[in-house]
Amino acid sequence: MTSITGFSGPHLCVLNSENKPRFQVQVRSLGSKDSPVLSSDSVAVNGASVIKEREERRSLIDEGNERLRHKVNEEKRVKDGVLESLEPLWDDGYGTVTVKDYFDATKEMIKPDGGPPRWFCPVACGAPLKDSPILFFLPGLDGTGWGLILHHKALGKAFEVRCLHIPINDRTPFEGLVKFVEETIRLEHASSPNKPIYLVGDSFGGCLSLAVAARNPTIDLVLILVNSASSIERSQLQPLIPILEAIPDELHTAIPYLLSFVMGDPTKMAMVNIESRLPPSLKLTQLSRNLVALLPCLSSLADIIPRATLLWKLKLLKSAAAYANSRLHAVKAEVLVLASGKDNMVPSRDEAQRLMSSLQNCTVRHFNDNGHTLLLEDGINLLTVIKGTCKYRRSRKRDYVSDFLPPSMSELKYTSDEVFGVLRLATGSVMFSTLEDGKIVRGLAGVPHEGPVLIVGYHNLMGLELNSLVEEFLREKNIMVRGAAHPELFWGKSASSASFDCLKVFGAVPVTAKNLFKLLSSKSHVLLYPGGAREALHFKGEEYKLFWPNQPEFVRMAAQFGATIVPFAAVGEDDLLELVFDYNDLKKIPMIREYIKESNRDAIRLRDETSGEVANTDLFFPGILPKLPGRYYYLFGKPIVTKGKKEILKDKENANKLYLEIQSDIENSLAYLLKKREEDPYRSVTDRTAYRAIYSPLHEVPTFEP
């Protein structure tokens, strides 16, 4: 259901039936109790157009790996007509909509463009998950409200999305817009006081978001500011504004072309629907076609922002920035700032740092290669950013288990190709598992499909084994493995770094008893490293040595939920990296020793001093050098069933006995892999590359016989 909500009164956007638009929305007025809903022939917003056709043709097949052909069956997760959860590798629609669709939708929107500002919700957003929060999109200078078009389908699963449309000829002053948005969020807060309200402010909309938040400090707001125009007074375009005001009407048609190159990167816009795995020649061909199709659309900017409207909005922008900046001290909301590194309109990078120092609860993410129109450019999936910064929640406090949204197919492809592509190529990972009869087979057939499952193993240097493990479970079994990670990545200084966002997108949770309890009770597959940071940051000569605490707590918790424990070993760190400087070496360098000491002064500690060698490990980055890559090998041991053994494992002696058996299984598996890898004719990356070039893709390269 979508709505266009205006000021009091029947401000509906009615179109002539003879000129049916290609983008459908349903509308309602805020002015009446029984709001009329227009038919799909009346108003516009979804893709009964090229968008729908592309989505129908869209395939969930990963090239070279037909095991990725997962047709998500959401019907199993629907109860009483409401979607309760998402399957891993769901289709978020990213790449099926382009900037050309933005211009097409905008042209349809402005045809009957009269009346005051109003809300609409694109039908493309669909029905959100049960208990989803509401998200209001506040647009930039264009005022159309279509700036989220590339993200509608993805955001529509996680939020009830509403977009603000400010008609071309509307001259509502900034204070009036603030009151309009404010009235809406107060109504929403009154109806759902325990849910957060999201405001995504793009450019001018960033000022509007800040102003509304400053006036409503008691409402639980989450602001997402995209290249906020609150820095307009420091804009590179300030000297050009008087010139724009003086240009005669007959020359105004040239202004949109100039603005389009200032506000965004046409190349980035044209790259949105280009598959990253295509050969360079095909990428270039498709990019050229997209640019040719996009450039004629730029002329429509003259209709979207006529001369009088442009001059009005430049004045409106100045008052908006002044209003917002004077009230930053009153903003109590949670804020996420997205800043482009190539923003030619406002100094977004500098403004992001200013906002972070001025606001009480602010996180910043930089996009170095993008321009001002960040949400319309390639390389940015807004929902992924929200998930990676842990900003998605359905209540006042984030629940790392129930609020988790599994990764989509596009997120897996992007992470696999763009983030870990080189590592994936270098490791050439091979998975083995153990069946119930003790037979070792290639693949994950020996790992139970039904949870709860607790996967326990050895943590390689710098966590090198993590990516391939999580990815292979998704590819082969369509199972989301939830890794228990150091709380410092979520609540400490490291939380401000984008380096760890990917872990959060792919299911990492802070390793606490409460989170493990929730995961196991929800029948999840949980990845646990008892040796934690001590193993991942081990010293020289300690490769493949376990450093586990003395308490077998995870055994008792597994038994409490009847979880199956799967011990696993991973070998390959010594084939990828050379450990040059370990903790002991770095401590000998005075400057680095002081840096490590200072960095860990307020770090979150997991265990007390009585927990053995693994207790209170200092976090640091060891000195490493890459090697000519070998190969990574994984062996998942025979599953250990704890169902029905709750009372037996309550006994400390019995629990400790099983704990030691699991340790022994992992040590034996490590020794097995270290020995067997010597028999692998494709252990070297050069041999694997040659084989793939002749015979098969990466995941099918042969290895030793188990």
Foldseek 3Di string as FASTA:
>chain_A
DKEKEDPADFPDQFDDLVDFAQAFFWYFYPNDPPTDTDDRRTAGHDGPDQLVVLVVVDFQADPQARLSRDDWDQVVQDDPNARAAGFFQACQSFLSDAVLVVLSNLVRQQPSQDDAKIKIQGCLLPAEHPLAEAEEEEEALLQQQCLQVNRRPNVSHRHRYMGIHGHLPDQQALVRVLVVVLVVVVVVCVVPVFFEYEYEAAALHLLSVLLNLLVCVPGAYEYEYALHVLQQVQAPCVVVLVVLLPDDQVPVLCVLVVVVVQFWPLLQRQQRNPQPPDPPVVSVVSSVVSSVSVVVSSSCVCVSHPSVSVNSVVVSSVVSSVSSVVRQQSRNYAYEYEFEQAENTGRRVVVLVVSVVSHDHYAYDYHDPIYSSVSSGHPDRPVLVCQLLVVFDSGSDRDLPSRAHHHHSVLLSCCCCPVCVVLCLQALEWEWEAAQVGDIDTADPRPDLWFDEEEEEFQAAQNSVPPVVQSRCCSNVSAQEAEAAACCCRPNPVSNDSPCSSNSNRHYDHDDPVNVLVQRLVGHYYYYYQLHPCRNQDDPPCGLPHDHWQALVVLLSCLVSFGKYKYKEKDFPVQWKDQDFGPVNQCVDVVSVVVQCVRCVPGDFDDDPRGPPSGPDGDDDTDMDTDQGFHMYMYIYRIDTSYPVNVVCVDRVSSSVVVVVSVVVRSVNNVVCVVQQVVFPRRGSVSQVVCCVPPRDSNPDDTGDD
